[in-house]
Protein backbone atom coordinates (compact mmCIF):
# COMPACT_ATOMS: atom_id res chain seq x y z
CA MET A 1 -65.00 77.11 -2.51
CA ASN A 2 -67.49 79.21 -0.60
CA ASN A 3 -70.80 77.83 -1.95
CA LEU A 4 -69.60 74.77 -3.81
CA VAL A 5 -70.39 71.25 -2.76
CA THR A 6 -67.21 69.90 -1.21
CA ILE A 7 -66.34 66.22 -1.56
CA LEU A 8 -64.45 65.63 1.66
CA ASP A 9 -61.50 63.24 1.44
CA THR A 10 -60.51 60.84 4.20
CA SER A 11 -57.02 62.37 4.20
CA VAL A 12 -58.53 65.60 5.57
CA VAL A 13 -60.80 63.98 8.16
CA ILE A 14 -58.08 61.73 9.58
CA LYS A 15 -56.17 64.87 10.62
CA TRP A 16 -58.97 65.72 13.05
CA PHE A 17 -57.95 62.83 15.29
CA PHE A 18 -54.15 62.81 15.42
CA THR A 19 -52.19 65.74 16.83
CA ASP A 20 -49.03 64.83 14.90
CA GLU A 21 -50.69 65.20 11.49
CA PRO A 22 -49.37 67.97 9.22
CA LEU A 23 -51.99 70.58 8.30
CA ARG A 24 -54.09 69.62 11.31
CA ARG A 25 -55.06 73.25 11.99
CA GLU A 26 -56.41 73.60 8.45
CA ALA A 27 -58.28 70.30 8.77
CA LEU A 28 -59.87 71.43 12.03
CA ALA A 29 -61.07 74.58 10.26
CA VAL A 30 -62.79 72.29 7.75
CA ARG A 31 -64.36 70.35 10.63
CA ALA A 32 -65.77 73.61 12.01
CA ALA A 33 -67.23 74.40 8.58
CA VAL A 34 -68.77 70.92 8.41
CA ALA A 35 -70.35 71.44 11.83
CA ASP A 36 -71.78 74.78 10.65
CA ASN A 37 -73.13 73.50 7.32
CA PRO A 38 -72.95 69.70 6.95
CA ARG A 39 -75.16 69.65 3.83
CA ARG A 40 -72.39 71.40 1.89
CA PHE A 41 -70.08 68.41 2.43
CA VAL A 42 -70.49 65.09 0.64
CA VAL A 43 -68.62 61.80 0.92
CA PRO A 44 -68.86 58.59 -1.12
CA HIS A 45 -70.14 55.39 0.51
CA LEU A 46 -66.62 53.99 0.82
CA PHE A 47 -65.57 56.97 2.97
CA LEU A 48 -66.63 55.47 6.31
CA THR A 49 -64.98 52.10 5.75
CA GLU A 50 -61.78 53.77 4.55
CA LEU A 51 -61.87 56.07 7.58
CA ILE A 52 -62.33 53.12 9.96
CA HIS A 53 -59.37 51.34 8.35
CA VAL A 54 -57.04 54.33 8.67
CA LEU A 55 -58.18 55.13 12.22
CA ALA A 56 -57.55 51.51 13.27
CA ARG A 57 -54.12 51.41 11.62
CA LYS A 58 -52.93 54.77 12.96
CA SER A 59 -54.27 54.16 16.49
CA GLY A 60 -52.66 50.75 16.86
CA SER A 61 -56.06 49.04 16.60
CA ASP A 62 -57.56 50.95 19.55
CA LEU A 63 -61.22 49.94 19.23
CA ALA A 64 -62.53 52.54 21.71
CA PHE A 65 -60.66 55.30 19.87
CA VAL A 66 -61.94 54.18 16.47
CA GLU A 67 -65.54 53.95 17.69
CA GLN A 68 -65.34 57.37 19.36
CA ALA A 69 -63.86 59.02 16.24
CA LEU A 70 -66.43 57.35 13.99
CA GLY A 71 -69.21 58.53 16.28
CA LEU A 72 -68.01 62.12 16.01
CA VAL A 73 -67.97 61.92 12.22
CA LEU A 74 -71.43 60.36 12.09
CA ARG A 75 -72.88 63.05 14.36
CA LEU A 76 -71.64 65.77 11.98
CA GLY A 77 -74.24 64.71 9.42
CA LEU A 78 -72.15 64.49 6.26
CA VAL A 79 -74.15 63.61 3.16
CA THR A 80 -73.18 60.16 1.86
CA LEU A 81 -73.78 59.34 -1.81
CA GLY A 82 -73.08 56.48 -4.15
CA LEU A 83 -71.98 56.78 -7.76
CA SER A 84 -74.38 56.46 -10.65
CA GLU A 85 -73.52 54.32 -13.66
CA ARG A 86 -72.07 57.44 -15.30
CA GLY A 87 -70.05 58.11 -12.15
CA LEU A 88 -68.70 54.57 -12.16
CA ALA A 89 -67.59 55.06 -15.77
CA GLU A 90 -65.89 58.30 -14.69
CA CYS A 91 -64.23 56.39 -11.87
CA CYS A 92 -62.87 53.87 -14.38
CA ALA A 93 -61.47 56.66 -16.53
CA TRP A 94 -59.72 58.37 -13.60
CA SER A 95 -58.28 55.06 -12.38
CA CYS A 96 -56.85 54.49 -15.84
CA LYS A 97 -55.25 57.96 -15.65
CA GLY A 98 -53.31 56.98 -12.53
CA LEU A 99 -55.58 57.71 -9.57
CA SER A 100 -56.21 55.02 -6.98
CA GLY A 101 -59.69 53.51 -6.92
CA TYR A 102 -60.45 55.48 -3.76
CA ASP A 103 -59.28 58.79 -5.23
CA ALA A 104 -61.06 58.09 -8.51
CA THR A 105 -64.28 57.56 -6.55
CA PHE A 106 -63.96 60.92 -4.79
CA ILE A 107 -63.21 62.78 -8.03
CA ALA A 108 -66.04 61.04 -9.91
CA LEU A 109 -68.41 62.09 -7.13
CA ALA A 110 -67.13 65.66 -7.38
CA ARG A 111 -67.94 65.63 -11.09
CA GLU A 112 -71.42 64.18 -10.44
CA CYS A 113 -72.21 66.75 -7.74
CA ASP A 114 -70.73 69.66 -9.67
CA GLY A 115 -68.46 70.12 -6.69
CA VAL A 116 -64.81 70.02 -5.80
CA TRP A 117 -62.78 67.31 -4.08
CA LEU A 118 -60.89 68.52 -1.01
CA THR A 119 -57.87 66.36 -0.21
CA ALA A 120 -54.54 66.53 1.58
CA ASP A 121 -52.91 64.41 -1.13
CA GLU A 122 -50.74 66.73 -3.24
CA LYS A 123 -49.88 64.05 -5.79
CA ALA A 124 -53.54 63.26 -6.44
CA VAL A 125 -54.37 66.96 -6.83
CA SER A 126 -51.61 67.27 -9.43
CA LEU A 127 -53.33 64.59 -11.56
CA VAL A 128 -56.67 66.43 -11.61
CA THR A 129 -57.77 69.75 -13.07
CA PRO A 130 -58.07 72.63 -10.55
CA ASP A 131 -61.82 72.93 -11.09
CA LEU A 132 -62.28 69.38 -9.71
CA ALA A 133 -59.78 69.16 -6.86
CA ARG A 134 -58.20 71.38 -4.25
CA HIS A 135 -55.47 70.70 -1.77
CA LEU A 136 -56.27 71.33 1.88
CA THR A 137 -53.88 74.31 1.93
CA ASN A 138 -56.07 76.04 -0.71
CA TRP A 139 -59.41 75.35 0.90
CA LYS A 140 -60.44 78.89 1.92
């Protein structure tokens, strides 16, 4: 995935903030890569609201923690994109193949950007072709 656009999944980013998360070391390596080259990493518009939700839930609704974590992510400068009409149709197709609406959005964006979706969700990766999705353990 050296020069590809990487669609960064919330499941990877959430690991940056909780020390008990599996694969945290790998996720922190991704964070370092984002800091070095943020334009290589893209997220859909729903990413930030999904991230806020998961941060709030996992932190026990600690507002200061959620705001601090969100601030760090915003300062990294990730590119945020919406889906085109074609991308929305792609999202529909992936949802009908068994992906959640969130996951379908990430994979549709990967297709639109000619990139690859990076996620920590093994089940989701198994539903998608290897040219469109990679598990966090196969990032480098």
